[in-house]
C-alpha atoms as a PDB file:
ATOM      1  CA  MET A   1      65.911 -32.751  66.198  1.00  0.00           C
ATOM      2  CA  LYS A   2      68.393 -32.122  69.463  1.00  0.00           C
ATOM      3  CA  ASN A   3      66.791 -32.838  71.974  1.00  0.00           C
ATOM      4  CA  LYS A   4      63.780 -35.176  72.595  1.00  0.00           C
ATOM      5  CA  LYS A   5      62.229 -31.843  74.633  1.00  0.00           C
ATOM      6  CA  ILE A   6      61.625 -29.140  73.358  1.00  0.00           C
ATOM      7  CA  PHE A   7      61.866 -26.107  76.118  1.00  0.00           C
ATOM      8  CA  ILE A   8      60.149 -22.522  75.407  1.00  0.00           C
ATOM      9  CA  CYS A   9      61.936 -19.525  77.300  1.00  0.00           C
ATOM     10  CA  LEU A  10      61.700 -17.076  74.164  1.00  0.00           C
ATOM     11  CA  THR A  11      65.052 -16.002  75.119  1.00  0.00           C
ATOM     12  CA  SER A  12      65.581 -13.501  72.595  1.00  0.00           C
ATOM     13  CA  LEU A  13      63.078 -10.996  72.532  1.00  0.00           C
ATOM     14  CA  LEU A  14      64.890  -8.286  72.549  1.00  0.00           C
ATOM     15  CA  ALA A  15      67.741  -9.736  73.923  1.00  0.00           C
ATOM     16  CA  LEU A  16      65.778  -9.660  77.408  1.00  0.00           C
ATOM     17  CA  SER A  17      66.520 -12.699  79.832  1.00  0.00           C
ATOM     18  CA  LEU A  18      64.356 -14.258  81.099  1.00  0.00           C
ATOM     19  CA  LEU A  19      63.167 -15.989  84.697  1.00  0.00           C
ATOM     20  CA  VAL A  20      60.647 -18.343  85.641  1.00  0.00           C
ATOM     21  CA  THR A  21      59.318 -18.046  88.944  1.00  0.00           C
ATOM     22  CA  GLY A  22      57.092 -20.164  91.935  1.00  0.00           C
ATOM     23  CA  CYS A  23      55.191 -22.745  90.751  1.00  0.00           C
ATOM     24  CA  GLY A  24      52.927 -20.628  89.383  1.00  0.00           C
ATOM     25  CA  LYS A  25      54.265 -21.574  86.112  1.00  0.00           C
ATOM     26  CA  LYS A  26      54.670 -17.642  85.072  1.00  0.00           C
ATOM     27  CA  VAL A  27      58.053 -15.888  83.050  1.00  0.00           C
ATOM     28  CA  GLU A  28      58.569 -12.328  84.186  1.00  0.00           C
ATOM     29  CA  VAL A  29      61.424 -10.328  82.438  1.00  0.00           C
ATOM     30  CA  LYS A  30      64.033 -10.021  84.633  1.00  0.00           C
ATOM     31  CA  ASN A  31      64.284  -6.093  85.864  1.00  0.00           C
ATOM     32  CA  GLY A  32      61.139  -5.918  84.038  1.00  0.00           C
ATOM     33  CA  SER A  33      59.686  -2.804  85.654  1.00  0.00           C
ATOM     34  CA  LYS A  34      62.568  -0.383  83.337  1.00  0.00           C
ATOM     35  CA  VAL A  35      61.284   0.917  80.716  1.00  0.00           C
ATOM     36  CA  ALA A  36      61.900   0.061  77.287  1.00  0.00           C
ATOM     37  CA  LEU A  37      60.640   2.697  75.032  1.00  0.00           C
ATOM     38  CA  SER A  38      59.048   6.530  75.819  1.00  0.00           C
ATOM     39  CA  ILE A  39      56.710   7.787  73.723  1.00  0.00           C
ATOM     40  CA  ASP A  40      56.212  11.879  75.149  1.00  0.00           C
ATOM     41  CA  LYS A  41      55.142  10.873  78.634  1.00  0.00           C
ATOM     42  CA  THR A  42      53.858   7.155  78.063  1.00  0.00           C
ATOM     43  CA  LYS A  43      56.106   4.784  78.950  1.00  0.00           C
ATOM     44  CA  ILE A  44      56.086   0.975  78.220  1.00  0.00           C
ATOM     45  CA  THR A  45      57.968  -1.586  80.367  1.00  0.00           C
ATOM     46  CA  ALA A  46      59.517  -4.360  79.295  1.00  0.00           C
ATOM     47  CA  THR A  47      57.282  -6.726  81.719  1.00  0.00           C
ATOM     48  CA  GLU A  48      53.714  -5.245  79.176  1.00  0.00           C
ATOM     49  CA  TYR A  49      55.794  -5.517  76.459  1.00  0.00           C
ATOM     50  CA  TYR A  50      56.410  -9.695  76.610  1.00  0.00           C
ATOM     51  CA  ASN A  51      52.085 -10.186  77.743  1.00  0.00           C
ATOM     52  CA  GLU A  52      51.969  -8.422  74.205  1.00  0.00           C
ATOM     53  CA  ILE A  53      53.539 -10.361  72.209  1.00  0.00           C
ATOM     54  CA  LYS A  54      52.503 -13.575  74.491  1.00  0.00           C
ATOM     55  CA  LYS A  55      49.004 -12.370  72.807  1.00  0.00           C
ATOM     56  CA  SER A  56      49.439 -11.120  69.260  1.00  0.00           C
ATOM     57  CA  ASN A  57      53.207 -13.347  68.693  1.00  0.00           C
ATOM     58  CA  ILE A  58      51.312 -17.185  69.494  1.00  0.00           C
ATOM     59  CA  ALA A  59      51.174 -17.279  65.700  1.00  0.00           C
ATOM     60  CA  GLN A  60      54.494 -17.291  65.174  1.00  0.00           C
ATOM     61  CA  LEU A  61      55.961 -19.388  68.311  1.00  0.00           C
ATOM     62  CA  ILE A  62      55.065 -22.061  67.388  1.00  0.00           C
ATOM     63  CA  ASP A  63      56.078 -21.487  63.991  1.00  0.00           C
ATOM     64  CA  MET A  64      59.649 -21.498  66.185  1.00  0.00           C
ATOM     65  CA  ILE A  65      58.123 -25.119  67.578  1.00  0.00           C
ATOM     66  CA  ASP A  66      57.496 -26.477  64.940  1.00  0.00           C
ATOM     67  CA  LYS A  67      60.756 -26.056  62.889  1.00  0.00           C
ATOM     68  CA  ASP A  68      62.475 -27.444  66.129  1.00  0.00           C
ATOM     69  CA  LEU A  69      60.449 -30.890  65.083  1.00  0.00           C
ATOM     70  CA  PHE A  70      60.919 -31.106  61.334  1.00  0.00           C
ATOM     71  CA  GLU A  71      63.254 -29.382  60.157  1.00  0.00           C
ATOM     72  CA  GLU A  72      66.006 -31.402  60.666  1.00  0.00           C
ATOM     73  CA  LYS A  73      63.128 -35.038  60.517  1.00  0.00           C
ATOM     74  CA  TYR A  74      62.672 -33.463  56.798  1.00  0.00           C
ATOM     75  CA  PRO A  75      65.762 -32.011  55.344  1.00  0.00           C
ATOM     76  CA  SER A  76      64.231 -29.721  52.460  1.00  0.00           C
ATOM     77  CA  ASP A  77      64.094 -32.434  48.466  1.00  0.00           C
ATOM     78  CA  ASP A  78      63.684 -31.387  45.034  1.00  0.00           C
ATOM     79  CA  THR A  79      60.043 -33.073  45.954  1.00  0.00           C
ATOM     80  CA  GLU A  80      59.511 -30.322  48.555  1.00  0.00           C
ATOM     81  CA  LYS A  81      60.765 -26.704  46.273  1.00  0.00           C
ATOM     82  CA  GLU A  82      58.955 -28.125  43.370  1.00  0.00           C
ATOM     83  CA  GLU A  83      55.679 -28.630  45.337  1.00  0.00           C
ATOM     84  CA  VAL A  84      56.509 -24.276  46.259  1.00  0.00           C
ATOM     85  CA  LYS A  85      57.479 -23.348  43.370  1.00  0.00           C
ATOM     86  CA  LYS A  86      54.412 -25.001  42.169  1.00  0.00           C
ATOM     87  CA  GLN A  87      52.118 -23.441  44.880  1.00  0.00           C
ATOM     88  CA  ILE A  88      54.102 -20.428  44.322  1.00  0.00           C
ATOM     89  CA  GLU A  89      52.913 -20.427  40.517  1.00  0.00           C
ATOM     90  CA  GLU A  90      49.474 -20.662  41.307  1.00  0.00           C
ATOM     91  CA  ILE A  91      49.775 -18.339  43.514  1.00  0.00           C
ATOM     92  CA  LYS A  92      51.286 -15.734  40.917  1.00  0.00           C
ATOM     93  CA  SER A  93      48.633 -16.794  38.716  1.00  0.00           C
ATOM     94  CA  TYR A  94      45.633 -15.562  40.067  1.00  0.00           C
ATOM     95  CA  VAL A  95      46.906 -12.189  39.500  1.00  0.00           C
ATOM     96  CA  ASN A  96      48.451 -12.504  36.012  1.00  0.00           C
ATOM     97  CA  GLY A  97      52.063 -12.353  37.806  1.00  0.00           C
ATOM     98  CA  ASP A  98      51.445  -8.564  39.436  1.00  0.00           C
ATOM     99  CA  GLU A  99      54.513  -8.067  41.414  1.00  0.00           C
ATOM    100  CA  ALA A 100      52.086  -5.488  43.479  1.00  0.00           C
ATOM    101  CA  GLN A 101      48.760  -7.280  43.785  1.00  0.00           C
ATOM    102  CA  PHE A 102      51.154 -10.758  44.588  1.00  0.00           C
ATOM    103  CA  LEU A 103      52.396  -9.600  47.721  1.00  0.00           C
ATOM    104  CA  THR A 104      48.949  -8.211  48.449  1.00  0.00           C
ATOM    105  CA  LEU A 105      47.281 -11.030  48.297  1.00  0.00           C
ATOM    106  CA  ILE A 106      50.435 -13.057  50.164  1.00  0.00           C
ATOM    107  CA  LYS A 107      49.911 -10.189  53.366  1.00  0.00           C
ATOM    108  CA  GLN A 108      46.673 -10.714  53.204  1.00  0.00           C
ATOM    109  CA  TYR A 109      46.277 -15.057  53.005  1.00  0.00           C
ATOM    110  CA  PHE A 110      50.047 -16.083  54.517  1.00  0.00           C
ATOM    111  CA  GLY A 111      50.873 -12.192  56.479  1.00  0.00           C
ATOM    112  CA  VAL A 112      54.037 -12.348  54.929  1.00  0.00           C
ATOM    113  CA  ASP A 113      56.280  -9.841  53.202  1.00  0.00           C
ATOM    114  CA  SER A 114      58.105 -10.816  50.555  1.00  0.00           C
ATOM    115  CA  GLU A 115      58.471 -14.039  48.266  1.00  0.00           C
ATOM    116  CA  LYS A 116      61.282 -15.601  49.544  1.00  0.00           C
ATOM    117  CA  GLU A 117      59.214 -14.713  53.844  1.00  0.00           C
ATOM    118  CA  LEU A 118      56.056 -16.501  51.665  1.00  0.00           C
ATOM    119  CA  GLU A 119      58.425 -19.925  50.445  1.00  0.00           C
ATOM    120  CA  GLU A 120      59.585 -20.812  53.812  1.00  0.00           C
ATOM    121  CA  THR A 121      55.694 -20.357  55.359  1.00  0.00           C
ATOM    122  CA  LEU A 122      54.495 -22.933  52.618  1.00  0.00           C
ATOM    123  CA  LYS A 123      57.876 -25.114  53.496  1.00  0.00           C
ATOM    124  CA  LEU A 124      57.088 -25.528  56.799  1.00  0.00           C
ATOM    125  CA  GLU A 125      53.640 -26.434  55.816  1.00  0.00           C
ATOM    126  CA  TYR A 126      55.020 -29.238  53.806  1.00  0.00           C
ATOM    127  CA  LYS A 127      57.224 -30.071  56.019  1.00  0.00           C
ATOM    128  CA  ARG A 128      53.932 -29.859  58.617  1.00  0.00           C
ATOM    129  CA  THR A 129      51.958 -31.818  56.138  1.00  0.00           C
ATOM    130  CA  THR A 130      54.244 -34.486  55.407  1.00  0.00           C
ATOM    131  CA  ALA A 131      54.810 -35.056  60.286  1.00  0.00           C
ATOM    132  CA  VAL A 132      51.198 -35.476  59.971  1.00  0.00           C
ATOM    133  CA  LYS A 133      50.446 -38.279  57.200  1.00  0.00           C
ATOM    134  CA  ASP A 134      53.262 -40.722  58.646  1.00  0.00           C
ATOM    135  CA  TYR A 135      51.981 -39.887  62.302  1.00  0.00           C
ATOM    136  CA  ILE A 136      48.569 -41.445  61.287  1.00  0.00           C
ATOM    137  CA  LYS A 137      50.336 -43.824  59.353  1.00  0.00           C
ATOM    138  CA  LYS A 138      51.955 -44.743  61.874  1.00  0.00           C
ATOM    139  CA  ASN A 139      49.189 -45.312  64.419  1.00  0.00           C
ATOM    140  CA  LEU A 140      46.869 -47.239  61.981  1.00  0.00           C
ATOM    141  CA  THR A 141      46.198 -50.488  63.407  1.00  0.00           C
ATOM    142  CA  ASP A 142      45.900 -54.228  62.294  1.00  0.00           C
ATOM    143  CA  LYS A 143      41.842 -54.382  62.340  1.00  0.00           C
ATOM    144  CA  GLU A 144      41.811 -50.942  60.647  1.00  0.00           C
ATOM    145  CA  ILE A 145      44.424 -52.393  57.021  1.00  0.00           C
ATOM    146  CA  GLU A 146      42.275 -55.620  57.670  1.00  0.00           C
ATOM    147  CA  ASN A 147      39.463 -54.203  57.130  1.00  0.00           C
ATOM    148  CA  TYR A 148      40.394 -52.201  54.051  1.00  0.00           C
ATOM    149  CA  TYR A 149      41.703 -55.588  52.454  1.00  0.00           C
ATOM    150  CA  ASN A 150      38.858 -58.110  52.746  1.00  0.00           C
ATOM    151  CA  ASP A 151      36.480 -54.285  51.512  1.00  0.00           C
ATOM    152  CA  ASN A 152      38.615 -53.078  48.436  1.00  0.00           C
ATOM    153  CA  ILE A 153      41.603 -54.882  47.684  1.00  0.00           C
ATOM    154  CA  THR A 154      40.724 -57.554  44.987  1.00  0.00           C
ATOM    155  CA  GLY A 155      42.219 -59.149  42.217  1.00  0.00           C
ATOM    156  CA  GLN A 156      42.955 -56.989  39.497  1.00  0.00           C
ATOM    157  CA  ILE A 157      39.816 -57.323  37.479  1.00  0.00           C
ATOM    158  CA  LYS A 158      39.732 -56.552  33.581  1.00  0.00           C
ATOM    159  CA  ALA A 159      37.029 -54.712  32.099  1.00  0.00           C
ATOM    160  CA  SER A 160      35.174 -53.405  29.715  1.00  0.00           C
ATOM    161  CA  HIS A 161      32.178 -50.021  29.365  1.00  0.00           C
ATOM    162  CA  ILE A 162      29.942 -48.380  27.085  1.00  0.00           C
ATOM    163  CA  LEU A 163      29.571 -44.198  28.065  1.00  0.00           C
ATOM    164  CA  ILE A 164      27.207 -42.563  27.404  1.00  0.00           C
ATOM    165  CA  THR A 165      27.263 -38.609  28.320  1.00  0.00           C
ATOM    166  CA  VAL A 166      25.069 -35.943  29.035  1.00  0.00           C
ATOM    167  CA  ASP A 167      25.176 -33.545  26.624  1.00  0.00           C
ATOM    168  CA  VAL A 168      24.114 -30.671  28.119  1.00  0.00           C
ATOM    169  CA  LYS A 169      24.704 -26.704  27.786  1.00  0.00           C
ATOM    170  CA  GLU A 170      26.136 -25.083  30.618  1.00  0.00           C
ATOM    171  CA  ASP A 171      23.681 -22.859  29.776  1.00  0.00           C
ATOM    172  CA  ALA A 172      20.893 -24.667  29.407  1.00  0.00           C
ATOM    173  CA  THR A 173      18.033 -24.363  31.914  1.00  0.00           C
ATOM    174  CA  ASP A 174      16.644 -26.862  34.138  1.00  0.00           C
ATOM    175  CA  GLU A 175      14.067 -28.469  31.761  1.00  0.00           C
ATOM    176  CA  GLU A 176      17.107 -28.928  28.427  1.00  0.00           C
ATOM    177  CA  LYS A 177      19.266 -30.393  31.697  1.00  0.00           C
ATOM    178  CA  GLN A 178      16.800 -33.296  32.233  1.00  0.00           C
ATOM    179  CA  LYS A 179      15.905 -33.746  28.943  1.00  0.00           C
ATOM    180  CA  ALA A 180      19.347 -34.343  28.116  1.00  0.00           C
ATOM    181  CA  GLU A 181      19.957 -36.895  31.111  1.00  0.00           C
ATOM    182  CA  ASP A 182      17.554 -38.526  30.076  1.00  0.00           C
ATOM    183  CA  LYS A 183      18.008 -38.973  26.706  1.00  0.00           C
ATOM    184  CA  ALA A 184      21.666 -40.678  27.494  1.00  0.00           C
ATOM    185  CA  LEU A 185      19.583 -42.644  30.526  1.00  0.00           C
ATOM    186  CA  LYS A 186      17.084 -44.255  27.454  1.00  0.00           C
ATOM    187  CA  THR A 187      20.233 -45.246  24.915  1.00  0.00           C
ATOM    188  CA  ALA A 188      21.998 -46.643  27.697  1.00  0.00           C
ATOM    189  CA  LYS A 189      18.534 -49.118  28.160  1.00  0.00           C
ATOM    190  CA  ASN A 190      18.176 -49.702  24.713  1.00  0.00           C
ATOM    191  CA  ILE A 191      22.177 -50.849  24.457  1.00  0.00           C
ATOM    192  CA  ILE A 192      21.681 -52.791  27.104  1.00  0.00           C
ATOM    193  CA  LYS A 193      18.769 -54.537  25.671  1.00  0.00           C
ATOM    194  CA  LYS A 194      20.160 -55.095  22.164  1.00  0.00           C
ATOM    195  CA  LEU A 195      22.992 -56.963  24.709  1.00  0.00           C
ATOM    196  CA  ASP A 196      20.364 -59.121  25.639  1.00  0.00           C
ATOM    197  CA  LYS A 197      19.155 -60.182  22.074  1.00  0.00           C
ATOM    198  CA  GLY A 198      22.829 -60.994  21.477  1.00  0.00           C
ATOM    199  CA  GLU A 199      25.020 -58.231  19.577  1.00  0.00           C
ATOM    200  CA  LYS A 200      28.321 -58.245  20.603  1.00  0.00           C
ATOM    201  CA  PHE A 201      29.655 -55.943  23.887  1.00  0.00           C
ATOM    202  CA  SER A 202      32.879 -54.583  20.990  1.00  0.00           C
ATOM    203  CA  ASP A 203      30.728 -53.577  18.659  1.00  0.00           C
ATOM    204  CA  LEU A 204      27.800 -51.742  20.504  1.00  0.00           C
ATOM    205  CA  ALA A 205      31.089 -49.877  21.606  1.00  0.00           C
ATOM    206  CA  LYS A 206      32.600 -49.389  18.828  1.00  0.00           C
ATOM    207  CA  LYS A 207      29.492 -47.805  18.197  1.00  0.00           C
ATOM    208  CA  TYR A 208      27.680 -45.789  20.741  1.00  0.00           C
ATOM    209  CA  SER A 209      30.178 -45.089  23.483  1.00  0.00           C
ATOM    210  CA  LYS A 210      31.376 -41.500  24.172  1.00  0.00           C
ATOM    211  CA  ASP A 211      34.523 -42.553  25.930  1.00  0.00           C
ATOM    212  CA  GLU A 212      36.847 -41.811  23.144  1.00  0.00           C
ATOM    213  CA  GLY A 213      39.990 -43.873  24.935  1.00  0.00           C
ATOM    214  CA  THR A 214      38.380 -46.917  24.623  1.00  0.00           C
ATOM    215  CA  ALA A 215      35.289 -46.945  21.801  1.00  0.00           C
ATOM    216  CA  SER A 216      37.409 -48.152  19.551  1.00  0.00           C
ATOM    217  CA  ASN A 217      38.858 -50.919  20.930  1.00  0.00           C
ATOM    218  CA  GLY A 218      35.898 -52.240  21.874  1.00  0.00           C
ATOM    219  CA  GLY A 219      35.012 -50.080  25.484  1.00  0.00           C
ATOM    220  CA  ASP A 220      38.181 -52.878  26.751  1.00  0.00           C
ATOM    221  CA  LEU A 221      40.040 -50.504  30.317  1.00  0.00           C
ATOM    222  CA  GLY A 222      42.596 -53.127  30.975  1.00  0.00           C
ATOM    223  CA  TYR A 223      43.481 -54.666  34.222  1.00  0.00           C
ATOM    224  CA  PHE A 224      42.840 -52.540  37.608  1.00  0.00           C
ATOM    225  CA  GLN A 225      42.251 -52.486  41.608  1.00  0.00           C
ATOM    226  CA  LEU A 226      38.611 -51.040  42.277  1.00  0.00           C
ATOM    227  CA  ASN A 227      39.948 -48.040  43.779  1.00  0.00           C
ATOM    228  CA  GLU A 228      41.045 -47.025  40.849  1.00  0.00           C
ATOM    229  CA  MET A 229      37.734 -46.210  39.645  1.00  0.00           C
ATOM    230  CA  VAL A 230      34.911 -43.801  41.183  1.00  0.00           C
ATOM    231  CA  SER A 231      33.368 -45.418  43.463  1.00  0.00           C
ATOM    232  CA  GLU A 232      30.195 -45.633  41.612  1.00  0.00           C
ATOM    233  CA  PHE A 233      31.466 -48.059  38.948  1.00  0.00           C
ATOM    234  CA  SER A 234      33.714 -49.428  41.057  1.00  0.00           C
ATOM    235  CA  ASN A 235      31.010 -50.777  43.137  1.00  0.00           C
ATOM    236  CA  ALA A 236      29.291 -51.802  40.142  1.00  0.00           C
ATOM    237  CA  VAL A 237      32.301 -54.575  38.014  1.00  0.00           C
ATOM    238  CA  LYS A 238      32.935 -55.530  41.754  1.00  0.00           C
ATOM    239  CA  ASP A 239      29.466 -57.655  41.904  1.00  0.00           C
ATOM    240  CA  LEU A 240      29.642 -59.164  38.910  1.00  0.00           C
ATOM    241  CA  LYS A 241      30.689 -62.873  37.202  1.00  0.00           C
ATOM    242  CA  LYS A 242      33.387 -63.080  34.408  1.00  0.00           C
ATOM    243  CA  SER A 243      31.688 -62.209  31.661  1.00  0.00           C
ATOM    244  CA  GLU A 244      28.967 -61.122  32.784  1.00  0.00           C
ATOM    245  CA  TYR A 245      27.049 -57.163  32.356  1.00  0.00           C
ATOM    246  CA  THR A 246      25.351 -54.559  33.600  1.00  0.00           C
ATOM    247  CA  LYS A 247      21.738 -54.785  33.780  1.00  0.00           C
ATOM    248  CA  GLU A 248      21.606 -51.735  34.561  1.00  0.00           C
ATOM    249  CA  PRO A 249      23.761 -48.188  33.772  1.00  0.00           C
ATOM    250  CA  VAL A 250      25.496 -47.343  36.048  1.00  0.00           C
ATOM    251  CA  LYS A 251      25.502 -43.318  36.912  1.00  0.00           C
ATOM    252  CA  THR A 252      28.663 -42.038  37.241  1.00  0.00           C
ATOM    253  CA  GLU A 253      29.907 -38.438  37.252  1.00  0.00           C
ATOM    254  CA  TYR A 254      30.521 -38.655  33.716  1.00  0.00           C
ATOM    255  CA  GLY A 255      27.646 -40.245  32.497  1.00  0.00           C
ATOM    256  CA  TYR A 256      25.623 -43.720  32.467  1.00  0.00           C
ATOM    257  CA  HIS A 257      27.816 -46.533  32.085  1.00  0.00           C
ATOM    258  CA  ILE A 258      27.025 -50.572  30.980  1.00  0.00           C
ATOM    259  CA  ILE A 259      29.822 -51.988  32.075  1.00  0.00           C
ATOM    260  CA  LEU A 260      31.406 -55.726  31.388  1.00  0.00           C
ATOM    261  CA  LYS A 261      33.082 -57.575  33.882  1.00  0.00           C
ATOM    262  CA  THR A 262      36.158 -60.332  31.190  1.00  0.00           C
ATOM    263  CA  ASP A 263      38.800 -61.317  33.145  1.00  0.00           C
ATOM    264  CA  GLU A 264      39.492 -61.089  37.295  1.00  0.00           C
ATOM    265  CA  LYS A 265      43.156 -61.907  38.942  1.00  0.00           C
ATOM    266  CA  ASP A 266      43.709 -63.862  42.409  1.00  0.00           C
ATOM    267  CA  LYS A 267      44.461 -61.258  45.395  1.00  0.00           C
ATOM    268  CA  GLU A 268      47.226 -60.448  45.850  1.00  0.00           C
ATOM    269  CA  GLU A 269      48.569 -61.076  49.753  1.00  0.00           C
ATOM    270  CA  LEU A 270      47.825 -58.841  53.049  1.00  0.00           C
ATOM    271  CA  ASP A 271      52.436 -57.852  52.838  1.00  0.00           C
ATOM    272  CA  ASP A 272      51.989 -57.793  49.440  1.00  0.00           C
ATOM    273  CA  VAL A 273      49.852 -54.294  49.672  1.00  0.00           C
ATOM    274  CA  LYS A 274      50.107 -53.472  53.084  1.00  0.00           C
ATOM    275  CA  GLU A 275      52.162 -49.918  52.820  1.00  0.00           C
ATOM    276  CA  ASP A 276      49.295 -48.496  49.748  1.00  0.00           C
ATOM    277  CA  ILE A 277      46.422 -49.403  51.841  1.00  0.00           C
ATOM    278  CA  LYS A 278      48.666 -47.529  54.800  1.00  0.00           C
ATOM    279  CA  THR A 279      48.713 -44.138  52.166  1.00  0.00           C
ATOM    280  CA  LYS A 280      45.121 -45.005  51.667  1.00  0.00           C
ATOM    281  CA  LEU A 281      43.955 -45.117  54.618  1.00  0.00           C
ATOM    282  CA  THR A 282      45.752 -42.211  55.810  1.00  0.00           C
ATOM    283  CA  ASP A 283      44.850 -39.788  52.715  1.00  0.00           C
ATOM    284  CA  GLN A 284      40.799 -41.140  53.838  1.00  0.00           C
ATOM    285  CA  LYS A 285      41.577 -40.470  57.366  1.00  0.00           C
ATOM    286  CA  ILE A 286      43.139 -36.308  56.071  1.00  0.00           C
ATOM    287  CA  GLN A 287      40.148 -36.282  53.950  1.00  0.00           C
ATOM    288  CA  SER A 288      37.505 -37.279  56.445  1.00  0.00           C
ATOM    289  CA  SER A 289      37.760 -33.817  58.313  1.00  0.00           C
ATOM    290  CA  ASN A 290      38.717 -30.496  58.191  1.00  0.00           C
ATOM    291  CA  THR A 291      40.121 -30.479  62.139  1.00  0.00           C
ATOM    292  CA  VAL A 292      42.319 -33.801  61.619  1.00  0.00           C
ATOM    293  CA  PHE A 293      44.797 -31.760  60.792  1.00  0.00           C
ATOM    294  CA  TYR A 294      45.366 -30.076  63.512  1.00  0.00           C
ATOM    295  CA  GLU A 295      45.007 -32.976  65.833  1.00  0.00           C
ATOM    296  CA  THR A 296      47.349 -34.569  64.501  1.00  0.00           C
ATOM    297  CA  LEU A 297      49.919 -31.541  65.165  1.00  0.00           C
ATOM    298  CA  ILE A 298      48.271 -31.198  68.376  1.00  0.00           C
ATOM    299  CA  GLU A 299      48.951 -35.280  69.038  1.00  0.00           C
ATOM    300  CA  ILE A 300      52.964 -34.086  67.801  1.00  0.00           C
ATOM    301  CA  ARG A 301      54.007 -31.287  69.521  1.00  0.00           C
ATOM    302  CA  LYS A 302      52.502 -33.435  73.045  1.00  0.00           C
ATOM    303  CA  GLU A 303      54.805 -36.513  71.980  1.00  0.00           C
ATOM    304  CA  ALA A 304      58.027 -34.217  71.183  1.00  0.00           C
ATOM    305  CA  LYS A 305      57.640 -32.963  75.088  1.00  0.00           C
ATOM    306  CA  ILE A 306      57.227 -29.095  75.529  1.00  0.00           C
ATOM    307  CA  LYS A 307      57.717 -27.639  78.665  1.00  0.00           C
ATOM    308  CA  TRP A 308      56.631 -24.703  78.515  1.00  0.00           C
ATOM    309  CA  ASN A 309      57.594 -21.437  81.253  1.00  0.00           C
ATOM    310  CA  ASP A 310      55.444 -19.524  81.604  1.00  0.00           C
ATOM    311  CA  SER A 311      51.324 -20.609  81.708  1.00  0.00           C
ATOM    312  CA  GLU A 312      49.176 -18.463  80.319  1.00  0.00           C
ATOM    313  CA  LEU A 313      51.840 -18.384  77.216  1.00  0.00           C
ATOM    314  CA  LYS A 314      50.561 -22.679  77.276  1.00  0.00           C
ATOM    315  CA  LYS A 315      46.915 -21.053  77.684  1.00  0.00           C
ATOM    316  CA  ALA A 316      47.811 -18.884  74.414  1.00  0.00           C
ATOM    317  CA  TYR A 317      49.117 -21.653  72.807  1.00  0.00           C
ATOM    318  CA  GLU A 318      46.287 -24.175  72.845  1.00  0.00           C
ATOM    319  CA  ASP A 319      43.553 -20.820  73.183  1.00  0.00           C
ATOM    320  CA  HIS A 320      45.162 -20.304  69.740  1.00  0.00           C
ATOM    321  CA  MET A 321      44.685 -24.344  68.344  1.00  0.00           C
ATOM    322  CA  ASN A 322      40.891 -24.239  69.686  1.00  0.00           C
ATOM    323  CA  GLU A 323      39.974 -21.810  67.043  1.00  0.00           C
ATOM    324  CA  LEU A 324      41.592 -22.862  63.937  1.00  0.00           C
ATOM    325  CA  ILE A 325      39.669 -26.743  65.546  1.00  0.00           C
ATOM    326  CA  GLU A 326      36.677 -24.767  65.352  1.00  0.00           C
ATOM    327  CA  ASN A 327      36.780 -22.889  62.220  1.00  0.00           C
ATOM    328  CA  ALA A 328      37.905 -25.652  60.800  1.00  0.00           C
ATOM    329  CA  ARG A 329      34.513 -27.530  61.550  1.00  0.00           C
ATOM    330  CA  SER A 330      32.678 -24.671  61.074  1.00  0.00           C
ATOM    331  CA  SER A 331      33.602 -23.885  57.444  1.00  0.00           C
ATOM    332  CA  THR A 332      32.534 -27.878  57.179  1.00  0.00           C
ATOM    333  CA  ASN A 333      29.387 -27.279  58.004  1.00  0.00           C
ATOM    334  CA  LYS A 334      29.174 -24.792  55.824  1.00  0.00           C
ATOM    335  CA  THR A 335      30.518 -26.110  53.243  1.00  0.00           C
ATOM    336  CA  GLN A 336      27.159 -29.345  53.828  1.00  0.00           C
ATOM    337  CA  THR A 337      24.640 -26.601  54.366  1.00  0.00           C
ATOM    338  CA  ASN A 338      25.438 -25.185  50.549  1.00  0.00           C
END
């Protein structure tokens, strides 16, 4: 970025020069009373045109701000190009490669008229996301990092499991689904009874486990960090002692698990896992609310000390960002309600 302060003046609007007047922070178009164009008896002045642009093109102005903020700091690289390409291909897949439908779709959802414009839009969005993540990561407190370390980081754990899946067809009735659920739970409980009687875990895994990737080697999952597993699994294995297995089936999205902890390594030092913790905390914050993304962008722009020479333009910006935040909040509420 060339300067720490960005001066937003919109000096290139149809080559019209702007003039800041008075302490009321309102930009006037020099000679703005002059007619910009005529339609029969109707006359449109340069000032009228500028005022209309202020209201309708605020999103375009925000794009201009963010390009100035982020393009130099986050130059395009192979990762960005691959991500943008992947998104465009995904959008095209929705319309089976139909060019006309593709153009209609991107116009409707992105407000662009060509694939090239879409590419530029997605590139800017990628840079915004990167900037948001960097800002959140930079502002994490030592206390947040320490708490995550104490609560979530353990030495690598080694475990085995026996997975009993709930086998049911997609079009099954509620009654059929419940029967399948009950059957899977009963099978898992019977396996625990066999373990209680002294049968070998590895033998039971080979016989009963539906996890094709581990059943043949006795259910061995190898070493892993707790945060690499779904929460229900992690919470269960964390509390086990070495050579201890779960006394009740552990239900996850995959089915019912019987888990045996076979080993646990010493916990790594905080400094050795600090960057990984920062990344995970940053992702958690972004995923915690749909509004975090927009709220963080507002803070980034504040720190850039943008100087608004038109108070109406500033208000249009604030109103636009508030609308985005409110829409995101409403979207979250609808999802939770459904």
